Amino acid sequence: MVSSNALFENSILGMSVRAQIPENHVLRALELTDFNKGYMDCLANLTITGDVTSQMFAESFEEMQRAGCYFVIVIEDLKTSTIVASGTLVVEQKFLRGCGRVGHIEDIVVAKGQQGKRFGFTVIKQLLEIATATGCYKSILDCSEENVSFYEKCGLENKGIQMAVYAPDAAKK
């Protein structure tokens, strides 16, 4: 049973990766209370977040928790009770490869002033461990050209080109 405060059970997290976190920091599942610990501010270092209220956050959190295929991890600075890094793994069930699963890595972010502490690398490694633990036959992510070398250092390979279509009003959100 998942704690109503945690998105998923922390027991799925690999101890070898968690041990690499510096003192006074913890790597764990996203919690409902992280809205008040600057989670949205951390995400804003990545892209537009929009005006997300605590109620909107809670509703999305609960929907993700019910779905059971979302693994959002965070690194919290325990001294400041602030979220300083995060990443998401979404596990997609497929009909291909004998009804296998694919892990989609999304929203990798490290807060400004926190770079250089290997938080991004650690988040990626943890998400890849979760993907393996949940039976994913591969994990994929999209990134900008300037981030390719970072993700290659994390063990990923450049396998193609990303394509996208944005909804007409997406820039407003």
N, C-alpha and C. Protein backbone atom coordinates (compact mmCIF):
# COMPACT_ATOMS: atom_id res chain seq x y z
N MET A 1 0.84 -1.19 0.00
CA MET A 1 0.00 0.00 0.00
C MET A 1 0.88 1.25 0.00
N VAL A 2 0.58 2.17 -0.89
CA VAL A 2 1.34 3.41 -0.99
C VAL A 2 0.82 4.41 0.03
N SER A 3 1.73 5.07 0.73
CA SER A 3 1.34 6.15 1.63
C SER A 3 0.60 7.20 0.82
N SER A 4 -0.46 7.76 1.36
CA SER A 4 -1.23 8.75 0.62
C SER A 4 -0.41 10.00 0.34
N ASN A 5 0.68 10.19 1.08
CA ASN A 5 1.52 11.35 0.88
C ASN A 5 2.58 11.11 -0.20
N ALA A 6 3.00 9.86 -0.43
CA ALA A 6 4.03 9.55 -1.42
C ALA A 6 3.40 9.06 -2.72
N LEU A 7 3.99 9.44 -3.84
CA LEU A 7 3.46 9.05 -5.14
C LEU A 7 3.57 7.54 -5.34
N PHE A 8 4.64 6.94 -4.81
CA PHE A 8 4.84 5.50 -4.91
C PHE A 8 5.71 5.07 -3.72
N GLU A 9 5.83 3.78 -3.54
CA GLU A 9 6.61 3.25 -2.41
C GLU A 9 8.10 3.50 -2.62
N ASN A 10 8.75 4.09 -1.64
CA ASN A 10 10.18 4.36 -1.72
C ASN A 10 11.02 3.08 -1.75
N SER A 11 10.43 1.96 -1.39
CA SER A 11 11.18 0.70 -1.35
C SER A 11 11.67 0.29 -2.74
N ILE A 12 11.09 0.83 -3.81
CA ILE A 12 11.53 0.50 -5.16
C ILE A 12 12.83 1.22 -5.52
N LEU A 13 13.20 2.22 -4.74
CA LEU A 13 14.40 3.00 -5.02
C LEU A 13 15.65 2.20 -4.66
N GLY A 14 16.63 2.26 -5.53
CA GLY A 14 17.87 1.51 -5.33
C GLY A 14 18.76 2.14 -4.27
N MET A 15 19.21 1.35 -3.33
CA MET A 15 20.05 1.85 -2.25
C MET A 15 21.42 2.31 -2.77
N SER A 16 21.95 1.66 -3.82
CA SER A 16 23.27 2.04 -4.32
C SER A 16 23.25 3.47 -4.87
N VAL A 17 22.17 3.85 -5.50
CA VAL A 17 22.05 5.21 -6.03
C VAL A 17 21.78 6.19 -4.89
N ARG A 18 20.88 5.83 -4.00
CA ARG A 18 20.53 6.71 -2.88
C ARG A 18 21.75 7.00 -2.00
N ALA A 19 22.68 6.05 -1.93
CA ALA A 19 23.88 6.23 -1.10
C ALA A 19 24.81 7.30 -1.66
N GLN A 20 24.64 7.66 -2.91
CA GLN A 20 25.49 8.67 -3.55
C GLN A 20 25.05 10.10 -3.25
N ILE A 21 23.93 10.26 -2.59
CA ILE A 21 23.39 11.58 -2.28
C ILE A 21 24.22 12.21 -1.15
N PRO A 22 24.59 13.48 -1.29
CA PRO A 22 25.37 14.14 -0.23
C PRO A 22 24.62 14.20 1.11
N GLU A 23 25.38 14.37 2.16
CA GLU A 23 24.81 14.53 3.49
C GLU A 23 23.80 15.68 3.49
N ASN A 24 22.78 15.57 4.30
CA ASN A 24 21.71 16.56 4.43
C ASN A 24 20.82 16.66 3.19
N HIS A 25 20.83 15.63 2.36
CA HIS A 25 19.96 15.53 1.20
C HIS A 25 19.35 14.13 1.20
N VAL A 26 18.18 14.00 0.59
CA VAL A 26 17.54 12.70 0.47
C VAL A 26 16.90 12.59 -0.91
N LEU A 27 17.04 11.41 -1.50
CA LEU A 27 16.37 11.09 -2.76
C LEU A 27 15.18 10.22 -2.41
N ARG A 28 14.00 10.60 -2.91
CA ARG A 28 12.78 9.88 -2.54
C ARG A 28 11.69 10.13 -3.56
N ALA A 29 10.57 9.45 -3.36
CA ALA A 29 9.38 9.67 -4.20
C ALA A 29 8.81 11.06 -3.92
N LEU A 30 8.22 11.66 -4.95
CA LEU A 30 7.50 12.92 -4.78
C LEU A 30 6.42 12.73 -3.73
N GLU A 31 6.24 13.72 -2.88
CA GLU A 31 5.19 13.70 -1.86
C GLU A 31 4.23 14.85 -2.09
N LEU A 32 3.03 14.67 -1.65
CA LEU A 32 1.99 15.70 -1.79
C LEU A 32 2.43 17.01 -1.17
N THR A 33 3.17 16.94 -0.08
CA THR A 33 3.62 18.14 0.62
C THR A 33 4.77 18.87 -0.09
N ASP A 34 5.30 18.28 -1.16
CA ASP A 34 6.41 18.92 -1.87
C ASP A 34 5.99 20.19 -2.60
N PHE A 35 4.72 20.37 -2.78
CA PHE A 35 4.24 21.64 -3.35
C PHE A 35 4.73 22.79 -2.47
N ASN A 36 4.71 22.57 -1.16
CA ASN A 36 5.13 23.60 -0.20
C ASN A 36 6.65 23.62 0.03
N LYS A 37 7.36 22.73 -0.66
CA LYS A 37 8.82 22.68 -0.52
C LYS A 37 9.50 23.16 -1.81
N GLY A 38 8.75 23.91 -2.62
CA GLY A 38 9.35 24.51 -3.81
C GLY A 38 9.46 23.61 -5.01
N TYR A 39 8.67 22.53 -5.05
CA TYR A 39 8.74 21.63 -6.21
C TYR A 39 8.44 22.36 -7.52
N MET A 40 7.41 23.20 -7.53
CA MET A 40 7.07 23.92 -8.76
C MET A 40 8.15 24.93 -9.11
N ASP A 41 8.78 25.53 -8.13
CA ASP A 41 9.90 26.46 -8.38
C ASP A 41 11.07 25.72 -9.02
N CYS A 42 11.32 24.52 -8.55
CA CYS A 42 12.38 23.70 -9.14
C CYS A 42 12.04 23.40 -10.60
N LEU A 43 10.82 22.96 -10.86
CA LEU A 43 10.40 22.66 -12.24
C LEU A 43 10.49 23.88 -13.15
N ALA A 44 10.28 25.06 -12.60
CA ALA A 44 10.33 26.29 -13.39
C ALA A 44 11.72 26.54 -13.96
N ASN A 45 12.74 25.87 -13.44
CA ASN A 45 14.08 25.96 -14.01
C ASN A 45 14.17 25.23 -15.35
N LEU A 46 13.16 24.43 -15.65
CA LEU A 46 13.15 23.62 -16.87
C LEU A 46 12.31 24.26 -17.97
N THR A 47 11.11 24.70 -17.62
CA THR A 47 10.19 25.24 -18.62
C THR A 47 9.05 25.98 -17.92
N ILE A 48 8.10 26.40 -18.70
CA ILE A 48 6.93 27.10 -18.17
C ILE A 48 6.09 26.13 -17.34
N THR A 49 5.77 26.53 -16.12
CA THR A 49 4.93 25.67 -15.27
C THR A 49 3.48 26.15 -15.21
N GLY A 50 3.26 27.41 -15.49
CA GLY A 50 1.91 27.95 -15.37
C GLY A 50 1.59 28.26 -13.92
N ASP A 51 0.42 28.75 -13.69
CA ASP A 51 -0.02 29.12 -12.34
C ASP A 51 -0.71 27.93 -11.68
N VAL A 52 0.08 27.03 -11.14
CA VAL A 52 -0.43 25.81 -10.52
C VAL A 52 -0.74 26.09 -9.05
N THR A 53 -1.99 25.87 -8.67
CA THR A 53 -2.39 26.04 -7.27
C THR A 53 -2.15 24.74 -6.51
N SER A 54 -2.20 24.81 -5.20
CA SER A 54 -2.03 23.60 -4.40
C SER A 54 -3.14 22.59 -4.70
N GLN A 55 -4.34 23.07 -4.98
CA GLN A 55 -5.44 22.16 -5.32
C GLN A 55 -5.18 21.47 -6.66
N MET A 56 -4.71 22.21 -7.65
CA MET A 56 -4.39 21.62 -8.95
C MET A 56 -3.28 20.58 -8.80
N PHE A 57 -2.27 20.91 -8.00
CA PHE A 57 -1.17 19.99 -7.74
C PHE A 57 -1.69 18.71 -7.10
N ALA A 58 -2.54 18.85 -6.10
CA ALA A 58 -3.09 17.68 -5.39
C ALA A 58 -3.91 16.81 -6.32
N GLU A 59 -4.72 17.41 -7.17
CA GLU A 59 -5.55 16.64 -8.11
C GLU A 59 -4.70 15.88 -9.11
N SER A 60 -3.66 16.52 -9.65
CA SER A 60 -2.76 15.84 -10.58
C SER A 60 -1.98 14.73 -9.88
N PHE A 61 -1.52 15.02 -8.66
CA PHE A 61 -0.79 14.04 -7.86
C PHE A 61 -1.64 12.80 -7.65
N GLU A 62 -2.88 12.99 -7.23
CA GLU A 62 -3.77 11.85 -6.96
C GLU A 62 -4.09 11.07 -8.23
N GLU A 63 -4.24 11.75 -9.35
CA GLU A 63 -4.48 11.07 -10.62
C GLU A 63 -3.27 10.23 -11.01
N MET A 64 -2.08 10.77 -10.84
CA MET A 64 -0.85 10.04 -11.14
C MET A 64 -0.69 8.84 -10.21
N GLN A 65 -1.01 9.05 -8.95
CA GLN A 65 -0.89 7.98 -7.96
C GLN A 65 -1.84 6.83 -8.31
N ARG A 66 -3.08 7.16 -8.68
CA ARG A 66 -4.06 6.13 -9.06
C ARG A 66 -3.60 5.35 -10.28
N ALA A 67 -3.02 6.03 -11.25
CA ALA A 67 -2.58 5.38 -12.49
C ALA A 67 -1.50 4.33 -12.22
N GLY A 68 -0.63 4.61 -11.26
CA GLY A 68 0.38 3.64 -10.86
C GLY A 68 1.56 3.48 -11.82
N CYS A 69 1.64 4.30 -12.84
CA CYS A 69 2.74 4.18 -13.80
C CYS A 69 3.64 5.41 -13.82
N TYR A 70 3.44 6.31 -12.86
CA TYR A 70 4.25 7.52 -12.75
C TYR A 70 5.20 7.40 -11.57
N PHE A 71 6.47 7.65 -11.85
CA PHE A 71 7.50 7.60 -10.82
C PHE A 71 8.25 8.93 -10.86
N VAL A 72 7.81 9.86 -10.03
CA VAL A 72 8.47 11.16 -9.94
C VAL A 72 9.34 11.12 -8.69
N ILE A 73 10.64 11.35 -8.90
CA ILE A 73 11.56 11.36 -7.77
C ILE A 73 12.08 12.77 -7.57
N VAL A 74 12.45 13.05 -6.34
CA VAL A 74 12.99 14.36 -5.99
C VAL A 74 14.22 14.17 -5.11
N ILE A 75 15.05 15.19 -5.12
CA ILE A 75 16.12 15.30 -4.13
C ILE A 75 15.79 16.51 -3.29
N GLU A 76 15.69 16.28 -1.98
CA GLU A 76 15.36 17.35 -1.05
C GLU A 76 16.59 17.73 -0.25
N ASP A 77 16.82 19.03 -0.13
CA ASP A 77 17.84 19.56 0.77
C ASP A 77 17.18 19.61 2.15
N LEU A 78 17.62 18.76 3.06
CA LEU A 78 16.99 18.65 4.37
C LEU A 78 17.24 19.87 5.26
N LYS A 79 18.32 20.59 5.00
CA LYS A 79 18.60 21.80 5.79
C LYS A 79 17.60 22.90 5.49
N THR A 80 17.20 23.01 4.23
CA THR A 80 16.30 24.09 3.82
C THR A 80 14.88 23.60 3.53
N SER A 81 14.66 22.30 3.60
CA SER A 81 13.37 21.69 3.24
C SER A 81 12.91 22.15 1.86
N THR A 82 13.85 22.10 0.91
CA THR A 82 13.60 22.56 -0.45
C THR A 82 13.93 21.45 -1.45
N ILE A 83 13.10 21.33 -2.47
CA ILE A 83 13.36 20.39 -3.55
C ILE A 83 14.40 21.01 -4.47
N VAL A 84 15.52 20.30 -4.70
CA VAL A 84 16.62 20.84 -5.49
C VAL A 84 16.83 20.11 -6.82
N ALA A 85 16.16 18.97 -7.01
CA ALA A 85 16.27 18.23 -8.27
C ALA A 85 15.09 17.28 -8.39
N SER A 86 14.77 16.93 -9.63
CA SER A 86 13.65 16.03 -9.85
C SER A 86 13.75 15.39 -11.23
N GLY A 87 13.04 14.30 -11.38
CA GLY A 87 12.91 13.62 -12.67
C GLY A 87 11.71 12.70 -12.62
N THR A 88 11.21 12.37 -13.79
CA THR A 88 10.00 11.55 -13.91
C THR A 88 10.24 10.37 -14.84
N LEU A 89 9.72 9.23 -14.46
CA LEU A 89 9.66 8.05 -15.33
C LEU A 89 8.19 7.71 -15.48
N VAL A 90 7.73 7.61 -16.72
CA VAL A 90 6.38 7.14 -17.01
C VAL A 90 6.53 5.79 -17.70
N VAL A 91 5.90 4.77 -17.14
CA VAL A 91 5.99 3.42 -17.69
C VAL A 91 4.79 3.17 -18.60
N GLU A 92 5.09 2.94 -19.87
CA GLU A 92 4.05 2.71 -20.88
C GLU A 92 3.94 1.22 -21.19
N GLN A 93 2.73 0.69 -21.09
CA GLN A 93 2.48 -0.70 -21.47
C GLN A 93 2.32 -0.76 -22.98
N LYS A 94 2.99 -1.72 -23.63
CA LYS A 94 2.98 -1.85 -25.08
C LYS A 94 2.36 -3.18 -25.50
N PHE A 95 2.00 -3.28 -26.77
CA PHE A 95 1.67 -4.57 -27.37
C PHE A 95 2.92 -5.17 -28.02
N LEU A 96 3.87 -4.32 -28.38
CA LEU A 96 5.12 -4.77 -28.98
C LEU A 96 5.97 -5.54 -27.99
N ARG A 97 6.91 -6.28 -28.52
CA ARG A 97 7.88 -7.01 -27.69
C ARG A 97 7.20 -7.86 -26.62
N GLY A 98 6.19 -8.60 -27.06
CA GLY A 98 5.50 -9.50 -26.14
C GLY A 98 4.77 -8.76 -25.04
N CYS A 99 4.14 -7.65 -25.40
CA CYS A 99 3.42 -6.81 -24.44
C CYS A 99 4.38 -6.27 -23.37
N GLY A 100 5.53 -5.80 -23.85
CA GLY A 100 6.54 -5.25 -22.95
C GLY A 100 6.20 -3.85 -22.49
N ARG A 101 7.13 -3.27 -21.76
CA ARG A 101 6.96 -1.92 -21.21
C ARG A 101 8.14 -1.05 -21.63
N VAL A 102 7.85 0.24 -21.84
CA VAL A 102 8.87 1.22 -22.16
C VAL A 102 8.83 2.31 -21.11
N GLY A 103 10.00 2.70 -20.66
CA GLY A 103 10.11 3.80 -19.70
C GLY A 103 10.39 5.10 -20.43
N HIS A 104 9.58 6.12 -20.17
CA HIS A 104 9.78 7.45 -20.74
C HIS A 104 10.31 8.36 -19.64
N ILE A 105 11.55 8.82 -19.79
CA ILE A 105 12.16 9.71 -18.80
C ILE A 105 11.84 11.14 -19.21
N GLU A 106 11.33 11.90 -18.27
CA GLU A 106 10.85 13.26 -18.53
C GLU A 106 11.28 14.21 -17.41
N ASP A 107 11.24 15.48 -17.72
CA ASP A 107 11.33 16.56 -16.72
C ASP A 107 12.53 16.45 -15.77
N ILE A 108 13.70 16.21 -16.34
CA ILE A 108 14.92 16.17 -15.53
C ILE A 108 15.33 17.62 -15.25
N VAL A 109 15.41 17.96 -13.97
CA VAL A 109 15.72 19.34 -13.61
C VAL A 109 16.54 19.39 -12.33
N VAL A 110 17.49 20.30 -12.32
CA VAL A 110 18.28 20.62 -11.13
C VAL A 110 18.16 22.12 -10.92
N ALA A 111 17.80 22.51 -9.72
CA ALA A 111 17.60 23.93 -9.41
C ALA A 111 18.89 24.73 -9.61
N LYS A 112 18.71 25.97 -9.99
CA LYS A 112 19.85 26.88 -10.14
C LYS A 112 20.62 26.93 -8.82
N GLY A 113 21.93 26.96 -8.92
CA GLY A 113 22.77 26.98 -7.72
C GLY A 113 23.06 25.59 -7.18
N GLN A 114 22.42 24.56 -7.76
CA GLN A 114 22.62 23.19 -7.29
C GLN A 114 23.36 22.33 -8.32
N GLN A 115 23.66 22.90 -9.49
CA GLN A 115 24.37 22.16 -10.52
C GLN A 115 25.79 21.84 -10.03
N GLY A 116 26.36 20.81 -10.63
CA GLY A 116 27.73 20.42 -10.28
C GLY A 116 27.81 19.48 -9.10
N LYS A 117 26.67 19.07 -8.55
CA LYS A 117 26.66 18.15 -7.40
C LYS A 117 26.27 16.73 -7.81
N ARG A 118 26.20 16.51 -9.13
CA ARG A 118 25.84 15.21 -9.71
C ARG A 118 24.39 14.82 -9.43
N PHE A 119 23.54 15.79 -9.10
CA PHE A 119 22.13 15.49 -8.86
C PHE A 119 21.44 15.00 -10.13
N GLY A 120 21.71 15.62 -11.26
CA GLY A 120 21.09 15.20 -12.52
C GLY A 120 21.48 13.78 -12.88
N PHE A 121 22.76 13.48 -12.77
CA PHE A 121 23.26 12.13 -13.03
C PHE A 121 22.59 11.12 -12.10
N THR A 122 22.50 11.46 -10.84
CA THR A 122 21.91 10.56 -9.84
C THR A 122 20.43 10.33 -10.12
N VAL A 123 19.71 11.38 -10.49
CA VAL A 123 18.28 11.24 -10.82
C VAL A 123 18.11 10.31 -12.02
N ILE A 124 18.91 10.50 -13.06
CA ILE A 124 18.82 9.63 -14.24
C ILE A 124 19.11 8.17 -13.86
N LYS A 125 20.17 7.94 -13.13
CA LYS A 125 20.53 6.58 -12.73
C LYS A 125 19.40 5.92 -11.92
N GLN A 126 18.78 6.70 -11.03
CA GLN A 126 17.70 6.14 -10.22
C GLN A 126 16.48 5.81 -11.09
N LEU A 127 16.15 6.69 -12.02
CA LEU A 127 15.02 6.42 -12.92
C LEU A 127 15.27 5.19 -13.78
N LEU A 128 16.51 5.01 -14.23
CA LEU A 128 16.84 3.82 -15.01
C LEU A 128 16.72 2.55 -14.16
N GLU A 129 17.08 2.64 -12.89
CA GLU A 129 16.90 1.48 -11.99
C GLU A 129 15.42 1.16 -11.80
N ILE A 130 14.59 2.19 -11.66
CA ILE A 130 13.15 1.97 -11.51
C ILE A 130 12.60 1.33 -12.79
N ALA A 131 13.06 1.81 -13.94
CA ALA A 131 12.61 1.24 -15.21
C ALA A 131 12.93 -0.25 -15.27
N THR A 132 14.12 -0.62 -14.87
CA THR A 132 14.50 -2.03 -14.85
C THR A 132 13.63 -2.80 -13.87
N ALA A 133 13.43 -2.25 -12.69
CA ALA A 133 12.64 -2.93 -11.65
C ALA A 133 11.18 -3.11 -12.06
N THR A 134 10.66 -2.23 -12.92
CA THR A 134 9.27 -2.33 -13.36
C THR A 134 9.13 -3.08 -14.68
N GLY A 135 10.23 -3.66 -15.16
CA GLY A 135 10.17 -4.53 -16.33
C GLY A 135 10.25 -3.84 -17.68
N CYS A 136 10.77 -2.63 -17.73
CA CYS A 136 10.90 -1.92 -19.01
C CYS A 136 12.01 -2.56 -19.85
N TYR A 137 11.73 -2.83 -21.12
CA TYR A 137 12.77 -3.38 -22.00
C TYR A 137 13.67 -2.28 -22.56
N LYS A 138 13.23 -1.03 -22.48
CA LYS A 138 14.08 0.11 -22.83
C LYS A 138 13.54 1.35 -22.14
N SER A 139 14.42 2.34 -22.04
CA SER A 139 14.03 3.65 -21.52
C SER A 139 14.47 4.69 -22.53
N ILE A 140 13.61 5.68 -22.75
CA ILE A 140 13.90 6.71 -23.74
C ILE A 140 13.65 8.09 -23.15
N LEU A 141 14.30 9.09 -23.73
CA LEU A 141 14.03 10.47 -23.35
C LEU A 141 14.32 11.36 -24.54
N ASP A 142 13.70 12.51 -24.56
CA ASP A 142 13.97 13.54 -25.55
C ASP A 142 14.77 14.62 -24.86
N CYS A 143 15.72 15.20 -25.60
CA CYS A 143 16.50 16.29 -25.02
C CYS A 143 16.94 17.24 -26.12
N SER A 144 17.38 18.40 -25.72
CA SER A 144 17.92 19.36 -26.67
C SER A 144 19.33 18.94 -27.06
N GLU A 145 19.76 19.45 -28.19
CA GLU A 145 21.09 19.11 -28.72
C GLU A 145 22.20 19.39 -27.71
N GLU A 146 22.08 20.49 -26.96
CA GLU A 146 23.15 20.83 -26.01
C GLU A 146 23.21 19.90 -24.80
N ASN A 147 22.20 19.06 -24.60
CA ASN A 147 22.21 18.13 -23.46
C ASN A 147 22.59 16.71 -23.85
N VAL A 148 22.82 16.46 -25.13
CA VAL A 148 23.13 15.10 -25.59
C VAL A 148 24.34 14.52 -24.87
N SER A 149 25.42 15.27 -24.75
CA SER A 149 26.64 14.72 -24.13
C SER A 149 26.40 14.36 -22.66
N PHE A 150 25.60 15.16 -21.95
CA PHE A 150 25.28 14.83 -20.56
C PHE A 150 24.58 13.47 -20.48
N TYR A 151 23.56 13.27 -21.31
CA TYR A 151 22.81 12.02 -21.26
C TYR A 151 23.64 10.83 -21.74
N GLU A 152 24.57 11.07 -22.65
CA GLU A 152 25.48 9.99 -23.05
C GLU A 152 26.36 9.58 -21.88
N LYS A 153 26.79 10.54 -21.06
CA LYS A 153 27.58 10.23 -19.86
C LYS A 153 26.76 9.42 -18.85
N CYS A 154 25.44 9.54 -18.94
CA CYS A 154 24.54 8.79 -18.05
C CYS A 154 24.25 7.39 -18.59
N GLY A 155 24.80 7.08 -19.78
CA GLY A 155 24.63 5.74 -20.34
C GLY A 155 23.59 5.62 -21.44
N LEU A 156 22.98 6.73 -21.83
CA LEU A 156 21.99 6.67 -22.91
C LEU A 156 22.68 6.89 -24.26
N GLU A 157 22.05 6.41 -25.33
CA GLU A 157 22.58 6.55 -26.67
C GLU A 157 21.65 7.41 -27.51
N ASN A 158 22.23 8.21 -28.39
CA ASN A 158 21.44 9.02 -29.31
C ASN A 158 20.85 8.09 -30.36
N LYS A 159 19.53 7.99 -30.41
CA LYS A 159 18.86 7.04 -31.29
C LYS A 159 17.93 7.70 -32.31
N GLY A 160 17.89 9.01 -32.40
CA GLY A 160 16.99 9.56 -33.40
C GLY A 160 16.67 11.01 -33.20
N ILE A 161 15.56 11.39 -33.76
CA ILE A 161 15.12 12.77 -33.78
C ILE A 161 13.77 12.88 -33.08
N GLN A 162 13.60 13.92 -32.32
CA GLN A 162 12.33 14.17 -31.63
C GLN A 162 11.43 15.00 -32.54
N MET A 163 10.17 14.70 -32.55
CA MET A 163 9.17 15.46 -33.29
C MET A 163 8.07 15.85 -32.29
N ALA A 164 7.42 16.99 -32.53
CA ALA A 164 6.38 17.44 -31.59
C ALA A 164 5.37 18.32 -32.31
N VAL A 165 4.17 18.34 -31.78
CA VAL A 165 3.12 19.28 -32.16
C VAL A 165 2.55 19.81 -30.87
N TYR A 166 2.52 21.12 -30.72
CA TYR A 166 1.96 21.73 -29.52
C TYR A 166 0.56 22.24 -29.82
N ALA A 167 -0.32 22.11 -28.86
CA ALA A 167 -1.67 22.65 -28.99
C ALA A 167 -1.58 24.16 -29.16
N PRO A 168 -2.50 24.76 -29.92
CA PRO A 168 -2.42 26.19 -30.21
C PRO A 168 -2.31 27.09 -28.98
N ASP A 169 -2.93 26.73 -27.87
CA ASP A 169 -2.88 27.58 -26.68
C ASP A 169 -1.86 27.10 -25.65
N ALA A 170 -0.96 26.20 -26.02
CA ALA A 170 0.01 25.64 -25.07
C ALA A 170 0.94 26.69 -24.51
N ALA A 171 1.25 27.71 -25.27
CA ALA A 171 2.17 28.75 -24.78
C ALA A 171 1.57 29.55 -23.64
N LYS A 172 0.27 29.54 -23.51
CA LYS A 172 -0.40 30.28 -22.45
C LYS A 172 -0.39 29.52 -21.12
N LYS A 173 -0.12 28.25 -21.15
CA LYS A 173 -0.18 27.42 -19.94
C LYS A 173 1.16 27.32 -19.29
